[in-house]
Amino acid sequence: MNEAILLLILRLSAAGFLLLFVAALLLLLWRDYQVTTREIEQRRIPRGRLIVLASDCDDVPLDTEFPLLPLTSLGRAPTNTVHLADTFASNEHALITYREGNWWLEDRDSSNGTFLNGSRVREPVILSSGDLIGIGRVTLRLQLE
């Protein structure tokens, strides 16, 4: 009889420890989920904007503003952050990223090139507020906040 009680106590203890382990694991996962959610929300906050200054396309009206996100893609494909319905723009024409405390512009091997203040972009370059970005027949001004 004593062996049966001892075995029951050991089984209940093992089950209790297993439940505590699962509870601790769920708590860690929940905290990680909350941190990740906050980081994603912060990335969605616009930190500037791109303003259309010149456009020869009817689908891209002047003074249109696009929010600037830490990862902003520009091009003709509708999946881009900045959709430019210009036949001279490539599907994935250029990319603006925020890294190392700076905004960077890079050409994504576009057919007609990406231009920064009139000069062709051949490698990633750092952007400044007021810079003019040329993609196809569209000119955008970068305005940082």
Protein backbone atom coordinates (compact mmCIF):
# COMPACT_ATOMS: atom_id res chain seq x y z
CA MET A 1 0.00 0.00 0.00
CA ASN A 2 2.84 2.40 0.85
CA GLU A 3 4.42 1.74 -2.53
CA ALA A 4 1.15 2.61 -4.29
CA ILE A 5 0.86 5.92 -2.42
CA LEU A 6 4.49 6.77 -3.12
CA LEU A 7 3.99 5.99 -6.82
CA LEU A 8 0.85 8.17 -6.89
CA ILE A 9 2.73 11.07 -5.27
CA LEU A 10 5.58 10.72 -7.79
CA ARG A 11 3.14 10.68 -10.73
CA LEU A 12 1.29 13.77 -9.41
CA SER A 13 4.60 15.57 -8.86
CA ALA A 14 5.74 14.75 -12.40
CA ALA A 15 2.42 15.94 -13.81
CA GLY A 16 2.70 19.18 -11.77
CA PHE A 17 6.22 19.86 -12.99
CA LEU A 18 5.11 19.20 -16.56
CA LEU A 19 2.24 21.69 -16.20
CA LEU A 20 4.61 24.30 -14.72
CA PHE A 21 7.02 23.78 -17.63
CA VAL A 22 4.23 24.20 -20.20
CA ALA A 23 2.94 27.31 -18.39
CA ALA A 24 6.45 28.84 -18.34
CA LEU A 25 6.89 28.06 -22.03
CA LEU A 26 3.55 29.69 -22.90
CA LEU A 27 4.49 32.76 -20.85
CA LEU A 28 7.78 33.12 -22.72
CA LEU A 29 6.04 32.74 -26.08
CA TRP A 30 3.44 35.35 -25.11
CA ARG A 31 6.12 37.88 -24.10
CA ASP A 32 8.04 37.28 -27.33
CA TYR A 33 4.83 37.76 -29.31
CA GLN A 34 4.16 41.08 -27.58
CA VAL A 35 7.69 42.37 -28.25
CA THR A 36 7.51 41.35 -31.91
CA THR A 37 4.09 42.98 -32.32
CA ARG A 38 5.38 46.28 -30.89
CA GLU A 39 8.40 46.20 -33.24
CA ILE A 40 6.20 45.57 -36.27
CA GLU A 41 3.86 48.42 -35.32
CA GLN A 42 6.80 50.80 -34.94
CA ARG A 43 8.04 49.86 -38.41
CA ARG A 44 4.70 50.78 -39.94
CA ILE A 45 4.90 54.35 -38.68
CA PRO A 46 5.84 56.67 -41.58
CA ARG A 47 9.08 58.54 -40.94
CA GLY A 48 8.88 60.78 -43.90
CA ARG A 49 7.29 60.88 -47.31
CA LEU A 50 7.90 60.93 -51.01
CA ILE A 51 6.12 63.66 -52.94
CA VAL A 52 5.55 63.51 -56.70
CA LEU A 53 7.03 66.71 -58.19
CA ALA A 54 6.95 65.85 -61.88
CA SER A 55 5.16 63.16 -63.83
CA ASP A 56 4.40 62.55 -67.49
CA CYS A 57 1.98 59.76 -66.52
CA ASP A 58 -1.75 60.23 -66.11
CA ASP A 59 -1.82 57.51 -63.42
CA VAL A 60 0.68 59.35 -61.17
CA PRO A 61 -0.77 62.80 -60.38
CA LEU A 62 1.40 65.66 -59.13
CA ASP A 63 1.65 66.31 -55.39
CA THR A 64 0.74 62.70 -54.58
CA GLU A 65 2.35 61.72 -51.27
CA PHE A 66 3.59 58.28 -50.33
CA PRO A 67 4.60 57.37 -46.76
CA LEU A 68 8.23 56.48 -46.27
CA LEU A 69 8.63 53.25 -44.33
CA PRO A 70 11.86 51.61 -43.10
CA LEU A 71 11.61 49.35 -46.16
CA THR A 72 10.01 51.17 -49.10
CA SER A 73 9.93 49.56 -52.54
CA LEU A 74 9.29 51.65 -55.65
CA GLY A 75 8.17 50.41 -59.04
CA ARG A 76 5.42 49.54 -61.47
CA ALA A 77 4.18 46.36 -59.74
CA PRO A 78 1.14 46.93 -57.52
CA THR A 79 2.89 45.08 -54.68
CA ASN A 80 5.36 47.94 -54.18
CA THR A 81 5.00 50.39 -51.32
CA VAL A 82 5.15 53.19 -53.90
CA HIS A 83 3.26 52.04 -56.97
CA LEU A 84 4.22 54.08 -60.06
CA ALA A 85 2.09 53.13 -63.04
CA ASP A 86 4.73 54.36 -65.48
CA THR A 87 5.76 52.19 -68.42
CA PHE A 88 9.33 53.49 -68.05
CA ALA A 89 9.54 52.12 -64.48
CA SER A 90 10.53 48.52 -63.85
CA ASN A 91 8.31 46.23 -61.79
CA GLU A 92 10.76 46.41 -58.88
CA HIS A 93 12.66 49.54 -59.77
CA ALA A 94 14.28 50.84 -56.57
CA LEU A 95 14.42 50.34 -52.83
CA ILE A 96 14.71 52.82 -49.98
CA THR A 97 15.80 51.33 -46.66
CA TYR A 98 16.61 52.66 -43.22
CA ARG A 99 19.73 51.07 -41.81
CA GLU A 100 22.69 52.11 -39.69
CA GLY A 101 20.93 55.39 -38.87
CA ASN A 102 20.68 56.52 -42.52
CA TRP A 103 18.23 56.30 -45.39
CA TRP A 104 19.65 54.44 -48.39
CA LEU A 105 18.53 54.36 -52.03
CA GLU A 106 19.47 51.50 -54.31
CA ASP A 107 18.56 50.62 -57.86
CA ARG A 108 17.13 47.11 -58.31
CA ASP A 109 18.71 46.48 -61.74
CA SER A 110 16.05 48.55 -63.46
CA SER A 111 16.01 48.94 -67.22
CA ASN A 112 16.02 52.75 -67.31
CA GLY A 113 17.96 53.40 -64.10
CA THR A 114 17.28 55.27 -60.89
CA PHE A 115 18.48 58.85 -60.51
CA LEU A 116 19.35 60.84 -57.41
CA ASN A 117 19.54 64.61 -57.92
CA GLY A 118 20.14 63.99 -61.63
CA SER A 119 22.93 61.42 -61.23
CA ARG A 120 22.42 57.75 -61.98
CA VAL A 121 22.50 55.47 -58.93
CA ARG A 122 24.88 52.57 -59.52
CA GLU A 123 25.34 51.45 -55.91
CA PRO A 124 23.44 52.15 -52.67
CA VAL A 125 23.69 55.82 -51.68
CA ILE A 126 22.70 57.74 -48.55
CA LEU A 127 19.69 60.04 -48.89
CA SER A 128 19.04 63.45 -47.35
CA SER A 129 15.85 65.43 -46.92
CA GLY A 130 15.04 67.33 -50.10
CA ASP A 131 16.76 64.87 -52.46
CA LEU A 132 15.12 64.31 -55.84
CA ILE A 133 14.63 60.72 -56.95
CA GLY A 134 13.97 60.01 -60.63
CA ILE A 135 12.25 56.80 -61.64
CA GLY A 136 11.07 56.51 -65.23
CA ARG A 137 9.17 59.69 -66.05
CA VAL A 138 8.41 60.45 -62.39
CA THR A 139 10.40 62.70 -60.05
CA LEU A 140 9.88 62.33 -56.31
CA ARG A 141 11.13 64.61 -53.54
CA LEU A 142 12.20 63.00 -50.27
CA GLN A 143 10.90 64.81 -47.20
CA LEU A 144 12.15 63.45 -43.88
CA GLU A 145 10.51 64.33 -40.59
